[in-house]
Amino acid sequence: MSKEEFKLKSDQEKINKAIDLIIRYSGIDGDHHKAWVIDQVSRILLAEKYESMVKDLKDSDYDWYEGIPP
């Protein structure tokens, strides 16, 4: 997804986009694909705070995995 897609105008728009991704892709087999869905939803809902969240997780020894698109 492009950076422009994450510059959504409203919270409701973010929620709708996140739910659309969940509905479309969460049923695909493979943990790596499900990790991608979680990553994409996180990017949408957190927007500019996403990078900070990932950095904080990695700093606390949590290995954030961006997954593989289906």
Protein backbone atom coordinates (compact mmCIF):
# COMPACT_ATOMS: atom_id res chain seq x y z
CA MET A 1 0.00 0.00 0.00
CA SER A 2 1.21 3.49 -0.76
CA LYS A 3 1.82 6.13 1.87
CA GLU A 4 -1.05 8.14 0.40
CA GLU A 5 -3.49 5.39 1.32
CA PHE A 6 -2.56 5.86 4.98
CA LYS A 7 -3.30 9.58 4.93
CA LEU A 8 -6.99 9.04 5.49
CA LYS A 9 -9.15 11.97 6.45
CA SER A 10 -11.24 10.67 9.32
CA ASP A 11 -11.18 8.07 12.04
CA GLN A 12 -14.20 6.41 10.45
CA GLU A 13 -12.35 6.20 7.14
CA LYS A 14 -9.43 4.51 8.91
CA ILE A 15 -11.77 2.05 10.62
CA ASN A 16 -13.55 1.23 7.36
CA LYS A 17 -10.26 0.64 5.53
CA ALA A 18 -8.92 -1.56 8.37
CA ILE A 19 -12.10 -3.66 8.49
CA ASP A 20 -12.05 -4.01 4.71
CA LEU A 21 -8.52 -5.43 4.88
CA ILE A 22 -9.50 -7.82 7.68
CA ILE A 23 -12.53 -9.09 5.77
CA ARG A 24 -10.64 -9.44 2.49
CA TYR A 25 -7.42 -11.04 3.65
CA SER A 26 -7.68 -12.58 7.13
CA GLY A 27 -9.08 -15.86 5.80
CA ILE A 28 -5.99 -16.59 3.72
CA ASP A 29 -3.92 -19.47 5.08
CA GLY A 30 -0.43 -18.84 6.40
CA ASP A 31 0.86 -17.04 9.46
CA HIS A 32 3.00 -14.81 7.26
CA HIS A 33 -0.12 -13.54 5.46
CA LYS A 34 -2.00 -13.01 8.71
CA ALA A 35 1.01 -11.06 10.05
CA TRP A 36 0.78 -8.86 6.94
CA VAL A 37 -2.90 -8.16 7.68
CA ILE A 38 -2.06 -7.19 11.27
CA ASP A 39 0.77 -4.96 10.06
CA GLN A 40 -1.40 -3.23 7.46
CA VAL A 41 -4.25 -2.66 9.91
CA SER A 42 -1.74 -1.24 12.42
CA ARG A 43 -0.36 1.12 9.77
CA ILE A 44 -3.84 2.37 8.92
CA LEU A 45 -5.07 2.86 12.47
CA LEU A 46 -1.85 4.30 13.89
CA ALA A 47 -0.87 6.37 10.82
CA GLU A 48 2.17 8.50 11.72
CA LYS A 49 2.51 6.72 15.09
CA TYR A 50 3.13 3.33 13.42
CA GLU A 51 6.93 3.75 13.13
CA SER A 52 7.16 4.77 16.78
CA MET A 53 5.17 1.69 17.85
CA VAL A 54 7.44 -0.63 15.86
CA LYS A 55 10.56 1.02 17.28
CA ASP A 56 9.20 0.72 20.84
CA LEU A 57 8.36 -2.94 20.28
CA LYS A 58 11.80 -3.73 18.86
CA ASP A 59 13.46 -1.81 21.73
CA SER A 60 11.59 -4.07 24.16
CA ASP A 61 12.90 -7.21 22.40
CA TYR A 62 9.64 -7.89 20.57
CA ASP A 63 10.28 -8.95 17.00
CA TRP A 64 7.74 -7.10 14.84
CA TYR A 65 7.10 -8.97 11.61
CA GLU A 66 5.58 -7.17 8.64
CA GLY A 67 4.49 -10.42 6.99
CA ILE A 68 4.09 -11.20 3.31
CA PRO A 69 1.23 -9.89 1.18
CA PRO A 70 -1.13 -12.59 -0.07
